[in-house]
C-alpha atoms as a PDB file:
ATOM      1  CA  MET A   1     100.366 112.982 116.063  1.00  0.00           C
ATOM      2  CA  ALA A   2      98.352 110.102 114.848  1.00  0.00           C
ATOM      3  CA  LYS A   3      95.409 108.928 117.345  1.00  0.00           C
ATOM      4  CA  TYR A   4      97.269 105.554 118.205  1.00  0.00           C
ATOM      5  CA  ASP A   5     101.008 106.763 117.953  1.00  0.00           C
ATOM      6  CA  ALA A   6     101.201 106.458 121.970  1.00  0.00           C
ATOM      7  CA  LEU A   7     100.216 103.011 121.795  1.00  0.00           C
ATOM      8  CA  ARG A   8     102.559 102.214 119.146  1.00  0.00           C
ATOM      9  CA  ALA A   9     105.405 103.862 120.859  1.00  0.00           C
ATOM     10  CA  TYR A  10     104.811 102.019 124.028  1.00  0.00           C
ATOM     11  CA  LEU A  11     104.676  98.623 122.314  1.00  0.00           C
ATOM     12  CA  GLU A  12     107.999  99.542 120.487  1.00  0.00           C
ATOM     13  CA  GLY A  13     109.466 100.568 123.618  1.00  0.00           C
ATOM     14  CA  LEU A  14     109.043  97.093 125.365  1.00  0.00           C
ATOM     15  CA  PRO A  15     112.295  95.291 126.084  1.00  0.00           C
ATOM     16  CA  GLY A  16     112.827  92.748 122.708  1.00  0.00           C
ATOM     17  CA  GLY A  17     112.919  89.565 124.703  1.00  0.00           C
ATOM     18  CA  GLN A  18     109.211  90.476 125.690  1.00  0.00           C
ATOM     19  CA  LYS A  19     106.814  88.203 123.454  1.00  0.00           C
ATOM     20  CA  ARG A  20     103.523  88.997 125.016  1.00  0.00           C
ATOM     21  CA  VAL A  21     101.806  92.047 126.940  1.00  0.00           C
ATOM     22  CA  THR A  22      98.237  92.296 128.327  1.00  0.00           C
ATOM     23  CA  LEU A  23      96.800  95.732 128.553  1.00  0.00           C
ATOM     24  CA  GLY A  24      93.407  96.827 130.185  1.00  0.00           C
ATOM     25  CA  PHE A  25      91.374  99.129 127.795  1.00  0.00           C
ATOM     26  CA  GLY A  26      91.663 101.617 130.848  1.00  0.00           C
ATOM     27  CA  ARG A  27      95.619 101.315 130.404  1.00  0.00           C
ATOM     28  CA  ILE A  28      95.259 101.963 126.675  1.00  0.00           C
ATOM     29  CA  GLU A  29      93.028 105.009 127.196  1.00  0.00           C
ATOM     30  CA  HIS A  30      95.480 106.557 129.763  1.00  0.00           C
ATOM     31  CA  LEU A  31      98.429 105.989 127.006  1.00  0.00           C
ATOM     32  CA  LEU A  32      96.015 107.610 124.321  1.00  0.00           C
ATOM     33  CA  GLY A  33      94.992 110.208 126.600  1.00  0.00           C
ATOM     34  CA  GLU A  34      91.506 109.878 125.425  1.00  0.00           C
ATOM     35  CA  PRO A  35      88.909 107.366 125.451  1.00  0.00           C
ATOM     36  CA  LEU A  36      88.679 104.471 123.149  1.00  0.00           C
ATOM     37  CA  PRO A  37      85.807 104.498 120.541  1.00  0.00           C
ATOM     38  CA  PRO A  38      82.513 102.593 121.938  1.00  0.00           C
ATOM     39  CA  SER A  39      83.158  99.938 119.117  1.00  0.00           C
ATOM     40  CA  ALA A  40      86.554  98.792 120.657  1.00  0.00           C
ATOM     41  CA  PHE A  41      84.290  97.579 123.516  1.00  0.00           C
ATOM     42  CA  LYS A  42      81.711  95.866 121.298  1.00  0.00           C
ATOM     43  CA  TYR A  43      83.373  94.516 118.415  1.00  0.00           C
ATOM     44  CA  GLU A  44      86.056  92.000 117.982  1.00  0.00           C
ATOM     45  CA  ALA A  45      86.839  93.012 114.610  1.00  0.00           C
ATOM     46  CA  TRP A  46      87.882  96.413 115.943  1.00  0.00           C
ATOM     47  CA  TRP A  47      90.866  94.828 117.392  1.00  0.00           C
ATOM     48  CA  LEU A  48      91.549  92.001 114.934  1.00  0.00           C
ATOM     49  CA  GLY A  49      90.749  94.026 111.623  1.00  0.00           C
ATOM     50  CA  SER A  50      88.239  93.055 108.929  1.00  0.00           C
ATOM     51  CA  ARG A  51      86.552  94.466 106.109  1.00  0.00           C
ATOM     52  CA  THR A  52      84.233  96.177 107.789  1.00  0.00           C
ATOM     53  CA  TRP A  53      86.652  98.673 109.331  1.00  0.00           C
ATOM     54  CA  ARG A  54      88.065 100.381 106.173  1.00  0.00           C
ATOM     55  CA  ASP A  55      90.117 102.880 108.332  1.00  0.00           C
ATOM     56  CA  GLN A  56      91.944 100.647 110.547  1.00  0.00           C
ATOM     57  CA  VAL A  57      94.667 103.038 112.139  1.00  0.00           C
ATOM     58  CA  GLN A  58      94.578 101.236 115.316  1.00  0.00           C
ATOM     59  CA  VAL A  59      95.617  97.953 113.873  1.00  0.00           C
ATOM     60  CA  GLN A  60      98.327  99.518 111.752  1.00  0.00           C
ATOM     61  CA  ALA A  61      99.561 101.144 114.963  1.00  0.00           C
ATOM     62  CA  TRP A  62     100.376  97.664 116.549  1.00  0.00           C
ATOM     63  CA  GLU A  63     101.193  95.943 113.728  1.00  0.00           C
ATOM     64  CA  SER A  64     103.427  98.465 112.372  1.00  0.00           C
ATOM     65  CA  ALA A  65     105.300  98.119 115.803  1.00  0.00           C
ATOM     66  CA  GLY A  66     105.700  94.406 115.355  1.00  0.00           C
ATOM     67  CA  TRP A  67     102.850  93.238 117.422  1.00  0.00           C
ATOM     68  CA  THR A  68      99.409  91.463 116.699  1.00  0.00           C
ATOM     69  CA  VAL A  69      96.527  90.854 118.889  1.00  0.00           C
ATOM     70  CA  ASP A  70      96.576  87.352 120.232  1.00  0.00           C
ATOM     71  CA  GLU A  71      93.923  87.441 122.893  1.00  0.00           C
ATOM     72  CA  LEU A  72      90.783  89.701 123.505  1.00  0.00           C
ATOM     73  CA  ASP A  73      88.348  89.919 126.171  1.00  0.00           C
ATOM     74  CA  LEU A  74      85.788  91.947 125.684  1.00  0.00           C
ATOM     75  CA  HIS A  75      83.817  91.349 129.127  1.00  0.00           C
ATOM     76  CA  LEU A  76      87.122  91.962 131.245  1.00  0.00           C
ATOM     77  CA  HIS A  77      88.133  94.753 128.649  1.00  0.00           C
ATOM     78  CA  THR A  78      91.736  93.391 128.196  1.00  0.00           C
ATOM     79  CA  VAL A  79      93.645  92.676 124.996  1.00  0.00           C
ATOM     80  CA  THR A  80      97.164  90.611 124.878  1.00  0.00           C
ATOM     81  CA  PHE A  81      99.627  91.496 122.139  1.00  0.00           C
ATOM     82  CA  ARG A  82     102.027  89.057 120.634  1.00  0.00           C
ATOM     83  CA  ARG A  83     105.379  90.287 119.029  1.00  0.00           C
ATOM     84  CA  ARG A  84     105.474  88.923 115.394  1.00  0.00           C
END
């Protein structure tokens, strides 16, 4: 099982009519069964993807489920995903 499969499965399991979902980082850590890396709390690029993160398995997880990051609040530790 890949590290972010549980998050991917959660997003895939949401009702088809649901277009957005906001999750706290703690909720995501609960789904994963382990802490997010420190970079998730510090860098927008970790969530949004960039060339600086070569191994972006986390971005691949939600994008393969048909979702993208719509809003991110690093101070409140929340991320809003939007169905593509």
